[in-house]
Amino acid sequence: MLQNDAVRTLQYDSEIRVAQTSTANEPRVFDGQISITSQPRPTTDAPRIPLPISTVAGSRTFIPLAGYDCLADLPSVHIEQTFELNDCECDEFIVDLLANLLKFFLALTAVSSENRYVVRSPLGDAIFAASESSTHNNRMIWGSGRPFQMHLLDKTHQEALVFRKTLALGAICCQPKNLEIWIPPGNVLGRVVQSPTFTQPEFYIEDGNTHQPVFCVEGPANSGFCCYCLPKECYFKIHSGGDLRASIDHKWLASKSQYTTNIYFSDPKLTAKERALILGSAFMLEYMYFQKRF
């Protein structure tokens, strides 16, 4: 059984643990079926908790100023969808069997629940816990084309990024799809906008301040009419000025019996902001091509 708000109490270590029971002193992130229209702003009484000081490859130390700063200097990140079960008195084999049956059931019954993801570093450490916020009606009627907000919590359990996707049906190629990347306390970092094409998927990543394209995301060539039919395992390249800056692929992870969306940063000079924008584009591709569609 899926937890209603499991990612909220996710343990940030090398393994995903079952959500724990919240305490009386723990602040509530969600309370029922609600839509968040504005982000909370920090006050003098409750300032943002600083991120821990990070040491990169033992060579230098930097102090992250924002939640997405932990993406700096990472060669890659990996997005895993989580399926959590309640605590039960059963052995590991039964738990694995129930988890696999749950994945199979969700794949057959369309997208009927809010998705949960964990963004991991190459070493397997959890960087962000991502929690979708959407209405039941939108999930049942619009499927993977539904509007939603994706809240990413960092290691301090504070909101680092918010992805906002508008309503767009995958079968309507003339309808542009877009996703906005926000940072607290309510600033637009950038957006990912689809470019209607007939030969291959193409998107532009725009800067939130200048509204100018900074990256172009290109999918597999000759992928079908309106770039609608893509294989489960495929590759996207991200470039600017003719230079490859990063890449995104969707592959089967045999060790965890599930597909993962992987981002590889080819250019080590990418800023944390640019990496956050690329992370947002990966989530958009996840919903457009790799979730259950009509």
C-alpha atoms as a PDB file:
ATOM      1  CA  MET A   1       0.000   0.000   0.000  1.00  0.00           C
ATOM      2  CA  LEU A   2       1.346   3.413  -0.906  1.00  0.00           C
ATOM      3  CA  GLN A   3       1.861   5.889   1.864  1.00  0.00           C
ATOM      4  CA  ASN A   4      -0.128   9.131   1.450  1.00  0.00           C
ATOM      5  CA  ASP A   5       2.900  11.280   2.145  1.00  0.00           C
ATOM      6  CA  ALA A   6       5.839   8.915   2.366  1.00  0.00           C
ATOM      7  CA  VAL A   7       8.504  11.127   0.826  1.00  0.00           C
ATOM      8  CA  ARG A   8       7.948  13.728   3.509  1.00  0.00           C
ATOM      9  CA  THR A   9       9.702  11.563   6.133  1.00  0.00           C
ATOM     10  CA  LEU A  10      12.123   9.807   3.812  1.00  0.00           C
ATOM     11  CA  GLN A  11      15.492   8.951   5.341  1.00  0.00           C
ATOM     12  CA  TYR A  12      18.373  10.498   3.401  1.00  0.00           C
ATOM     13  CA  ASP A  13      20.962   7.751   3.356  1.00  0.00           C
ATOM     14  CA  SER A  14      22.196   5.182   0.856  1.00  0.00           C
ATOM     15  CA  GLU A  15      18.959   3.176   1.007  1.00  0.00           C
ATOM     16  CA  ILE A  16      15.252   4.052   0.820  1.00  0.00           C
ATOM     17  CA  ARG A  17      13.497   3.231   4.064  1.00  0.00           C
ATOM     18  CA  VAL A  18       9.827   2.854   4.798  1.00  0.00           C
ATOM     19  CA  ALA A  19       8.258   6.105   5.897  1.00  0.00           C
ATOM     20  CA  GLN A  20       8.158   6.592   9.631  1.00  0.00           C
ATOM     21  CA  THR A  21       5.285   7.852  11.727  1.00  0.00           C
ATOM     22  CA  SER A  22       5.401  11.620  12.054  1.00  0.00           C
ATOM     23  CA  THR A  23       5.836  13.112  15.492  1.00  0.00           C
ATOM     24  CA  ALA A  24       3.810  15.864  17.097  1.00  0.00           C
ATOM     25  CA  ASN A  25       6.635  18.356  16.621  1.00  0.00           C
ATOM     26  CA  GLU A  26       7.122  17.612  12.937  1.00  0.00           C
ATOM     27  CA  PRO A  27       5.663  20.261  10.586  1.00  0.00           C
ATOM     28  CA  ARG A  28       3.108  19.006   8.083  1.00  0.00           C
ATOM     29  CA  VAL A  29       3.968  19.488   4.430  1.00  0.00           C
ATOM     30  CA  PHE A  30       0.639  18.374   2.959  1.00  0.00           C
ATOM     31  CA  ASP A  31      -2.799  18.086   4.529  1.00  0.00           C
ATOM     32  CA  GLY A  32      -5.332  16.446   2.238  1.00  0.00           C
ATOM     33  CA  GLN A  33      -6.103  17.091  -1.404  1.00  0.00           C
ATOM     34  CA  ILE A  34      -4.934  20.685  -1.805  1.00  0.00           C
ATOM     35  CA  SER A  35      -3.284  22.662  -4.565  1.00  0.00           C
ATOM     36  CA  ILE A  36      -0.370  24.885  -3.597  1.00  0.00           C
ATOM     37  CA  THR A  37      -0.628  28.172  -5.474  1.00  0.00           C
ATOM     38  CA  SER A  38       2.176  30.103  -3.753  1.00  0.00           C
ATOM     39  CA  GLN A  39       5.385  29.119  -2.048  1.00  0.00           C
ATOM     40  CA  PRO A  40       6.061  29.858   1.623  1.00  0.00           C
ATOM     41  CA  ARG A  41       8.372  32.775   2.198  1.00  0.00           C
ATOM     42  CA  PRO A  42      11.025  32.710   4.912  1.00  0.00           C
ATOM     43  CA  THR A  43      10.479  34.877   7.961  1.00  0.00           C
ATOM     44  CA  THR A  44      12.786  36.246  10.606  1.00  0.00           C
ATOM     45  CA  ASP A  45      11.305  33.813  13.116  1.00  0.00           C
ATOM     46  CA  ALA A  46      11.973  30.727  10.976  1.00  0.00           C
ATOM     47  CA  PRO A  47      14.977  31.264   8.699  1.00  0.00           C
ATOM     48  CA  ARG A  48      15.983  28.609   6.218  1.00  0.00           C
ATOM     49  CA  ILE A  49      18.185  25.901   7.705  1.00  0.00           C
ATOM     50  CA  PRO A  50      21.602  26.033   5.998  1.00  0.00           C
ATOM     51  CA  LEU A  51      22.724  23.027   3.998  1.00  0.00           C
ATOM     52  CA  PRO A  52      25.687  21.067   5.362  1.00  0.00           C
ATOM     53  CA  ILE A  53      29.147  22.035   4.143  1.00  0.00           C
ATOM     54  CA  SER A  54      30.215  19.769   1.286  1.00  0.00           C
ATOM     55  CA  THR A  55      33.659  18.595   0.303  1.00  0.00           C
ATOM     56  CA  VAL A  56      34.136  17.677  -3.362  1.00  0.00           C
ATOM     57  CA  ALA A  57      36.643  14.878  -4.076  1.00  0.00           C
ATOM     58  CA  GLY A  58      38.624  15.951  -1.011  1.00  0.00           C
ATOM     59  CA  SER A  59      40.081  18.896  -2.928  1.00  0.00           C
ATOM     60  CA  ARG A  60      37.903  21.852  -1.962  1.00  0.00           C
ATOM     61  CA  THR A  61      35.052  22.832   0.309  1.00  0.00           C
ATOM     62  CA  PHE A  62      32.041  24.958  -0.563  1.00  0.00           C
ATOM     63  CA  ILE A  63      29.007  26.143   1.371  1.00  0.00           C
ATOM     64  CA  PRO A  64      25.715  25.578  -0.513  1.00  0.00           C
ATOM     65  CA  LEU A  65      23.585  28.722  -0.478  1.00  0.00           C
ATOM     66  CA  ALA A  66      20.458  27.190  -2.035  1.00  0.00           C
ATOM     67  CA  GLY A  67      18.918  23.747  -2.094  1.00  0.00           C
ATOM     68  CA  TYR A  68      19.946  23.015  -5.671  1.00  0.00           C
ATOM     69  CA  ASP A  69      23.601  23.913  -4.980  1.00  0.00           C
ATOM     70  CA  CYS A  70      24.202  20.295  -4.009  1.00  0.00           C
ATOM     71  CA  LEU A  71      24.070  19.489  -7.750  1.00  0.00           C
ATOM     72  CA  ALA A  72      27.325  21.370  -8.303  1.00  0.00           C
ATOM     73  CA  ASP A  73      30.271  19.236  -9.490  1.00  0.00           C
ATOM     74  CA  LEU A  74      28.247  16.014  -9.685  1.00  0.00           C
ATOM     75  CA  PRO A  75      29.089  14.023 -12.827  1.00  0.00           C
ATOM     76  CA  SER A  76      25.595  12.520 -12.958  1.00  0.00           C
ATOM     77  CA  VAL A  77      22.304  12.118 -11.113  1.00  0.00           C
ATOM     78  CA  HIS A  78      19.791   9.292 -11.258  1.00  0.00           C
ATOM     79  CA  ILE A  79      16.014   9.509 -10.827  1.00  0.00           C
ATOM     80  CA  GLU A  80      14.268   6.481  -9.319  1.00  0.00           C
ATOM     81  CA  GLN A  81      10.539   6.115  -8.805  1.00  0.00           C
ATOM     82  CA  THR A  82       9.731   4.772  -5.343  1.00  0.00           C
ATOM     83  CA  PHE A  83       7.080   2.263  -4.304  1.00  0.00           C
ATOM     84  CA  GLU A  84       6.785   2.068  -0.532  1.00  0.00           C
ATOM     85  CA  LEU A  85       5.010  -0.520   1.587  1.00  0.00           C
ATOM     86  CA  ASN A  86       3.707  -0.374   5.128  1.00  0.00           C
ATOM     87  CA  ASP A  87       5.657  -2.101   7.884  1.00  0.00           C
ATOM     88  CA  CYS A  88       4.718  -5.757   8.086  1.00  0.00           C
ATOM     89  CA  GLU A  89       5.905  -8.928   9.762  1.00  0.00           C
ATOM     90  CA  CYS A  90       7.271 -10.726   6.716  1.00  0.00           C
ATOM     91  CA  ASP A  91      10.598 -11.696   5.280  1.00  0.00           C
ATOM     92  CA  GLU A  92      12.562  -9.880   2.573  1.00  0.00           C
ATOM     93  CA  PHE A  93      11.348 -12.204  -0.181  1.00  0.00           C
ATOM     94  CA  ILE A  94       7.685 -11.377   0.522  1.00  0.00           C
ATOM     95  CA  VAL A  95       8.445  -7.644   0.606  1.00  0.00           C
ATOM     96  CA  ASP A  96      10.206  -7.819  -2.790  1.00  0.00           C
ATOM     97  CA  LEU A  97       7.355  -9.855  -4.237  1.00  0.00           C
ATOM     98  CA  LEU A  98       4.735  -7.366  -3.011  1.00  0.00           C
ATOM     99  CA  ALA A  99       6.769  -4.444  -4.365  1.00  0.00           C
ATOM    100  CA  ASN A 100       7.020  -6.048  -7.828  1.00  0.00           C
ATOM    101  CA  LEU A 101       3.293  -6.842  -7.836  1.00  0.00           C
ATOM    102  CA  LEU A 102       2.549  -3.245  -6.889  1.00  0.00           C
ATOM    103  CA  LYS A 103       4.649  -1.931  -9.776  1.00  0.00           C
ATOM    104  CA  PHE A 104       2.876  -4.290 -12.182  1.00  0.00           C
ATOM    105  CA  PHE A 105      -0.551  -3.275 -10.875  1.00  0.00           C
ATOM    106  CA  LEU A 106       0.191   0.449 -11.244  1.00  0.00           C
ATOM    107  CA  ALA A 107       1.456  -0.093 -14.788  1.00  0.00           C
ATOM    108  CA  LEU A 108      -1.842  -1.771 -15.756  1.00  0.00           C
ATOM    109  CA  THR A 109      -4.171   0.708 -14.070  1.00  0.00           C
ATOM    110  CA  ALA A 110      -2.745   3.908 -15.619  1.00  0.00           C
ATOM    111  CA  VAL A 111      -1.467   6.736 -13.465  1.00  0.00           C
ATOM    112  CA  SER A 112      -3.873   6.714 -10.519  1.00  0.00           C
ATOM    113  CA  SER A 113      -1.637   7.889  -7.681  1.00  0.00           C
ATOM    114  CA  GLU A 114       0.751  10.726  -7.005  1.00  0.00           C
ATOM    115  CA  ASN A 115       4.248   9.725  -8.020  1.00  0.00           C
ATOM    116  CA  ARG A 116       7.243   9.734  -5.700  1.00  0.00           C
ATOM    117  CA  TYR A 117      10.877   9.822  -6.776  1.00  0.00           C
ATOM    118  CA  VAL A 118      14.343   9.900  -5.266  1.00  0.00           C
ATOM    119  CA  VAL A 119      17.170  11.766  -7.017  1.00  0.00           C
ATOM    120  CA  ARG A 120      20.477  10.059  -6.244  1.00  0.00           C
ATOM    121  CA  SER A 121      24.144  10.854  -6.733  1.00  0.00           C
ATOM    122  CA  PRO A 122      26.517   8.442  -8.538  1.00  0.00           C
ATOM    123  CA  LEU A 123      27.376   6.937  -5.121  1.00  0.00           C
ATOM    124  CA  GLY A 124      23.726   6.193  -4.406  1.00  0.00           C
ATOM    125  CA  ASP A 125      23.190   8.943  -1.831  1.00  0.00           C
ATOM    126  CA  ALA A 126      19.764  10.584  -1.861  1.00  0.00           C
ATOM    127  CA  ILE A 127      20.018  14.222  -2.970  1.00  0.00           C
ATOM    128  CA  PHE A 128      16.341  15.088  -3.306  1.00  0.00           C
ATOM    129  CA  ALA A 129      13.053  13.436  -2.427  1.00  0.00           C
ATOM    130  CA  ALA A 130      10.484  14.400  -5.078  1.00  0.00           C
ATOM    131  CA  SER A 131       6.766  14.335  -4.280  1.00  0.00           C
ATOM    132  CA  GLU A 132       4.007  15.018  -6.814  1.00  0.00           C
ATOM    133  CA  SER A 133       1.003  17.126  -5.834  1.00  0.00           C
ATOM    134  CA  SER A 134      -2.043  16.732  -8.112  1.00  0.00           C
ATOM    135  CA  THR A 135      -5.764  16.128  -7.857  1.00  0.00           C
ATOM    136  CA  HIS A 136      -7.413  12.737  -8.142  1.00  0.00           C
ATOM    137  CA  ASN A 137      -9.638  13.897 -11.012  1.00  0.00           C
ATOM    138  CA  ASN A 138      -6.688  15.166 -13.068  1.00  0.00           C
ATOM    139  CA  ARG A 139      -4.827  11.890 -12.581  1.00  0.00           C
ATOM    140  CA  MET A 140      -7.799   9.793 -13.630  1.00  0.00           C
ATOM    141  CA  ILE A 141      -8.966  11.955 -16.547  1.00  0.00           C
ATOM    142  CA  TRP A 142      -5.757  13.292 -18.075  1.00  0.00           C
ATOM    143  CA  GLY A 143      -3.285  10.550 -17.199  1.00  0.00           C
ATOM    144  CA  SER A 144       0.371  11.478 -17.677  1.00  0.00           C
ATOM    145  CA  GLY A 145      -0.648  14.726 -19.405  1.00  0.00           C
ATOM    146  CA  ARG A 146      -2.126  16.038 -16.152  1.00  0.00           C
ATOM    147  CA  PRO A 147      -1.070  19.298 -14.514  1.00  0.00           C
ATOM    148  CA  PHE A 148       0.888  18.877 -11.304  1.00  0.00           C
ATOM    149  CA  GLN A 149       3.473  20.327  -8.975  1.00  0.00           C
ATOM    150  CA  MET A 150       6.585  18.339  -8.085  1.00  0.00           C
ATOM    151  CA  HIS A 151       8.161  19.337  -4.767  1.00  0.00           C
ATOM    152  CA  LEU A 152      11.825  18.449  -4.244  1.00  0.00           C
ATOM    153  CA  LEU A 153      13.067  18.358  -0.643  1.00  0.00           C
ATOM    154  CA  ASP A 154      16.791  18.524   0.107  1.00  0.00           C
ATOM    155  CA  LYS A 155      18.771  16.849   2.901  1.00  0.00           C
ATOM    156  CA  THR A 156      17.537  19.392   5.439  1.00  0.00           C
ATOM    157  CA  HIS A 157      13.940  18.397   4.574  1.00  0.00           C
ATOM    158  CA  GLN A 158      13.333  21.856   3.117  1.00  0.00           C
ATOM    159  CA  GLU A 159      11.911  22.618  -0.301  1.00  0.00           C
ATOM    160  CA  ALA A 160      14.755  23.163  -2.785  1.00  0.00           C
ATOM    161  CA  LEU A 161      12.918  23.125  -6.138  1.00  0.00           C
ATOM    162  CA  VAL A 162       9.348  23.057  -7.428  1.00  0.00           C
ATOM    163  CA  PHE A 163       8.384  21.853 -10.905  1.00  0.00           C
ATOM    164  CA  ARG A 164       5.039  23.036 -12.266  1.00  0.00           C
ATOM    165  CA  LYS A 165       3.584  21.357 -15.331  1.00  0.00           C
ATOM    166  CA  THR A 166       0.517  22.620 -17.171  1.00  0.00           C
ATOM    167  CA  LEU A 167      -2.178  20.454 -18.740  1.00  0.00           C
ATOM    168  CA  ALA A 168      -0.968  18.954 -22.034  1.00  0.00           C
ATOM    169  CA  LEU A 169      -2.071  15.727 -23.688  1.00  0.00           C
ATOM    170  CA  GLY A 170       0.679  13.666 -25.296  1.00  0.00           C
ATOM    171  CA  ALA A 171      -1.501  12.702 -28.246  1.00  0.00           C
ATOM    172  CA  ILE A 172      -1.978  16.334 -29.347  1.00  0.00           C
ATOM    173  CA  CYS A 173       1.261  17.218 -31.099  1.00  0.00           C
ATOM    174  CA  CYS A 174       0.222  20.793 -31.882  1.00  0.00           C
ATOM    175  CA  GLN A 175      -0.244  21.594 -28.193  1.00  0.00           C
ATOM    176  CA  PRO A 176       3.106  22.735 -26.718  1.00  0.00           C
ATOM    177  CA  LYS A 177       4.079  21.202 -23.411  1.00  0.00           C
ATOM    178  CA  ASN A 178       5.984  23.175 -20.827  1.00  0.00           C
ATOM    179  CA  LEU A 179       7.283  22.830 -17.309  1.00  0.00           C
ATOM    180  CA  GLU A 180       8.408  25.647 -15.016  1.00  0.00           C
ATOM    181  CA  ILE A 181      11.245  25.328 -12.512  1.00  0.00           C
ATOM    182  CA  TRP A 182      10.718  27.399  -9.351  1.00  0.00           C
ATOM    183  CA  ILE A 183      12.870  28.025  -6.281  1.00  0.00           C
ATOM    184  CA  PRO A 184      11.730  29.285  -2.859  1.00  0.00           C
ATOM    185  CA  PRO A 185      10.419  31.749  -1.903  1.00  0.00           C
ATOM    186  CA  GLY A 186       8.623  31.857  -5.277  1.00  0.00           C
ATOM    187  CA  ASN A 187      11.037  32.773  -8.068  1.00  0.00           C
ATOM    188  CA  VAL A 188      11.057  31.260 -11.556  1.00  0.00           C
ATOM    189  CA  LEU A 189      14.434  29.706 -12.272  1.00  0.00           C
ATOM    190  CA  GLY A 190      13.536  28.731 -15.845  1.00  0.00           C
ATOM    191  CA  ARG A 191      11.203  26.675 -17.985  1.00  0.00           C
ATOM    192  CA  VAL A 192      11.251  23.778 -20.425  1.00  0.00           C
ATOM    193  CA  VAL A 193       9.209  24.344 -23.592  1.00  0.00           C
ATOM    194  CA  GLN A 194       8.441  21.825 -26.326  1.00  0.00           C
ATOM    195  CA  SER A 195       9.204  22.700 -29.926  1.00  0.00           C
ATOM    196  CA  PRO A 196       6.612  21.022 -32.231  1.00  0.00           C
ATOM    197  CA  THR A 197       8.490  18.770 -34.653  1.00  0.00           C
ATOM    198  CA  PHE A 198       7.677  15.765 -36.834  1.00  0.00           C
ATOM    199  CA  THR A 199      11.027  13.963 -36.975  1.00  0.00           C
ATOM    200  CA  GLN A 200      12.351  13.891 -33.412  1.00  0.00           C
ATOM    201  CA  PRO A 201      11.474  15.248 -29.947  1.00  0.00           C
ATOM    202  CA  GLU A 202      12.904  18.702 -29.335  1.00  0.00           C
ATOM    203  CA  PHE A 203      12.703  21.021 -26.348  1.00  0.00           C
ATOM    204  CA  TYR A 204      14.235  24.316 -25.311  1.00  0.00           C
ATOM    205  CA  ILE A 205      15.341  25.170 -21.793  1.00  0.00           C
ATOM    206  CA  GLU A 206      14.800  28.887 -21.183  1.00  0.00           C
ATOM    207  CA  ASP A 207      16.264  31.163 -18.524  1.00  0.00           C
ATOM    208  CA  GLY A 208      13.679  32.482 -16.085  1.00  0.00           C
ATOM    209  CA  ASN A 209      15.026  36.049 -16.126  1.00  0.00           C
ATOM    210  CA  THR A 210      15.849  36.629 -19.791  1.00  0.00           C
ATOM    211  CA  HIS A 211      13.339  34.134 -21.290  1.00  0.00           C
ATOM    212  CA  GLN A 212      16.073  33.216 -23.772  1.00  0.00           C
ATOM    213  CA  PRO A 213      16.912  29.580 -24.674  1.00  0.00           C
ATOM    214  CA  VAL A 214      20.057  28.331 -22.973  1.00  0.00           C
ATOM    215  CA  PHE A 215      19.911  24.640 -23.979  1.00  0.00           C
ATOM    216  CA  CYS A 216      18.329  22.524 -26.675  1.00  0.00           C
ATOM    217  CA  VAL A 217      17.166  19.000 -25.821  1.00  0.00           C
ATOM    218  CA  GLU A 218      17.003  16.569 -28.750  1.00  0.00           C
ATOM    219  CA  GLY A 219      15.633  13.049 -28.662  1.00  0.00           C
ATOM    220  CA  PRO A 220      16.091  10.083 -31.007  1.00  0.00           C
ATOM    221  CA  ALA A 221      15.815  10.872 -34.712  1.00  0.00           C
ATOM    222  CA  ASN A 222      13.058   9.286 -36.816  1.00  0.00           C
ATOM    223  CA  SER A 223      11.115   8.334 -33.707  1.00  0.00           C
ATOM    224  CA  GLY A 224       7.715   8.311 -35.385  1.00  0.00           C
ATOM    225  CA  PHE A 225       4.875  10.657 -36.251  1.00  0.00           C
ATOM    226  CA  CYS A 226       4.816  13.679 -33.910  1.00  0.00           C
ATOM    227  CA  CYS A 227       7.650  12.063 -31.913  1.00  0.00           C
ATOM    228  CA  TYR A 228       5.030  10.149 -29.960  1.00  0.00           C
ATOM    229  CA  CYS A 229       6.328   6.584 -30.094  1.00  0.00           C
ATOM    230  CA  LEU A 230       9.571   6.214 -28.193  1.00  0.00           C
ATOM    231  CA  PRO A 231      11.128   2.991 -26.911  1.00  0.00           C
ATOM    232  CA  LYS A 232      11.428   2.458 -23.170  1.00  0.00           C
ATOM    233  CA  GLU A 233      15.202   2.778 -23.454  1.00  0.00           C
ATOM    234  CA  CYS A 234      16.233   5.893 -25.344  1.00  0.00           C
ATOM    235  CA  TYR A 235      18.747   8.738 -25.291  1.00  0.00           C
ATOM    236  CA  PHE A 236      18.426  12.536 -25.313  1.00  0.00           C
ATOM    237  CA  LYS A 237      21.285  14.951 -25.849  1.00  0.00           C
ATOM    238  CA  ILE A 238      21.443  18.470 -24.441  1.00  0.00           C
ATOM    239  CA  HIS A 239      23.593  21.004 -26.268  1.00  0.00           C
ATOM    240  CA  SER A 240      24.133  24.731 -26.687  1.00  0.00           C
ATOM    241  CA  GLY A 241      26.215  26.484 -29.315  1.00  0.00           C
ATOM    242  CA  GLY A 242      26.899  23.182 -31.026  1.00  0.00           C
ATOM    243  CA  ASP A 243      28.607  21.691 -27.935  1.00  0.00           C
ATOM    244  CA  LEU A 244      27.247  18.726 -25.988  1.00  0.00           C
ATOM    245  CA  ARG A 245      26.640  19.883 -22.416  1.00  0.00           C
ATOM    246  CA  ALA A 246      24.720  16.946 -20.926  1.00  0.00           C
ATOM    247  CA  SER A 247      22.660  13.894 -21.834  1.00  0.00           C
ATOM    248  CA  ILE A 248      19.604  12.070 -20.490  1.00  0.00           C
ATOM    249  CA  ASP A 249      18.799   8.408 -20.941  1.00  0.00           C
ATOM    250  CA  HIS A 250      16.114   6.045 -19.711  1.00  0.00           C
ATOM    251  CA  LYS A 251      17.386   2.542 -18.963  1.00  0.00           C
ATOM    252  CA  TRP A 252      16.452  -0.633 -17.149  1.00  0.00           C
ATOM    253  CA  LEU A 253      18.236  -1.058 -13.798  1.00  0.00           C
ATOM    254  CA  ALA A 254      18.482  -4.786 -13.226  1.00  0.00           C
ATOM    255  CA  SER A 255      19.693  -4.485  -9.638  1.00  0.00           C
ATOM    256  CA  LYS A 256      16.446  -2.726  -8.612  1.00  0.00           C
ATOM    257  CA  SER A 257      14.120  -4.227 -11.231  1.00  0.00           C
ATOM    258  CA  GLN A 258      12.939  -0.873 -12.553  1.00  0.00           C
ATOM    259  CA  TYR A 259      13.661   1.807 -15.118  1.00  0.00           C
ATOM    260  CA  THR A 260      15.679   4.860 -14.106  1.00  0.00           C
ATOM    261  CA  THR A 261      16.122   8.239 -15.762  1.00  0.00           C
ATOM    262  CA  ASN A 262      19.803   9.199 -15.736  1.00  0.00           C
ATOM    263  CA  ILE A 263      21.402  12.601 -16.328  1.00  0.00           C
ATOM    264  CA  TYR A 264      25.079  12.815 -17.298  1.00  0.00           C
ATOM    265  CA  PHE A 265      26.722  16.236 -17.142  1.00  0.00           C
ATOM    266  CA  SER A 266      29.312  16.249 -19.931  1.00  0.00           C
ATOM    267  CA  ASP A 267      30.448  19.812 -19.233  1.00  0.00           C
ATOM    268  CA  PRO A 268      32.007  20.121 -15.741  1.00  0.00           C
ATOM    269  CA  LYS A 269      31.629  23.918 -15.958  1.00  0.00           C
ATOM    270  CA  LEU A 270      27.832  23.753 -15.756  1.00  0.00           C
ATOM    271  CA  THR A 271      26.532  25.885 -12.893  1.00  0.00           C
ATOM    272  CA  ALA A 272      24.183  24.551 -10.220  1.00  0.00           C
ATOM    273  CA  LYS A 273      21.366  26.601 -11.764  1.00  0.00           C
ATOM    274  CA  GLU A 274      21.930  25.052 -15.201  1.00  0.00           C
ATOM    275  CA  ARG A 275      21.993  21.578 -13.668  1.00  0.00           C
ATOM    276  CA  ALA A 276      18.707  22.288 -11.892  1.00  0.00           C
ATOM    277  CA  LEU A 277      17.135  23.326 -15.215  1.00  0.00           C
ATOM    278  CA  ILE A 278      18.361  20.111 -16.831  1.00  0.00           C
ATOM    279  CA  LEU A 279      16.927  18.137 -13.916  1.00  0.00           C
ATOM    280  CA  GLY A 280      13.562  19.766 -14.588  1.00  0.00           C
ATOM    281  CA  SER A 281      13.716  18.738 -18.246  1.00  0.00           C
ATOM    282  CA  ALA A 282      14.380  15.129 -17.179  1.00  0.00           C
ATOM    283  CA  PHE A 283      11.185  15.097 -15.119  1.00  0.00           C
ATOM    284  CA  MET A 284       9.242  16.489 -18.059  1.00  0.00           C
ATOM    285  CA  LEU A 285      10.556  13.714 -20.318  1.00  0.00           C
ATOM    286  CA  GLU A 286       9.683  11.167 -17.641  1.00  0.00           C
ATOM    287  CA  TYR A 287       6.018  12.150 -17.728  1.00  0.00           C
ATOM    288  CA  MET A 288       5.764  12.701 -21.478  1.00  0.00           C
ATOM    289  CA  TYR A 289       7.339   9.483 -22.719  1.00  0.00           C
ATOM    290  CA  PHE A 290       7.892   6.976 -19.917  1.00  0.00           C
ATOM    291  CA  GLN A 291       4.746   7.153 -17.809  1.00  0.00           C
ATOM    292  CA  LYS A 292       1.507   5.420 -18.840  1.00  0.00           C
ATOM    293  CA  ARG A 293       0.008   7.295 -21.808  1.00  0.00           C
ATOM    294  CA  PHE A 294      -3.270   7.267 -23.728  1.00  0.00           C
END
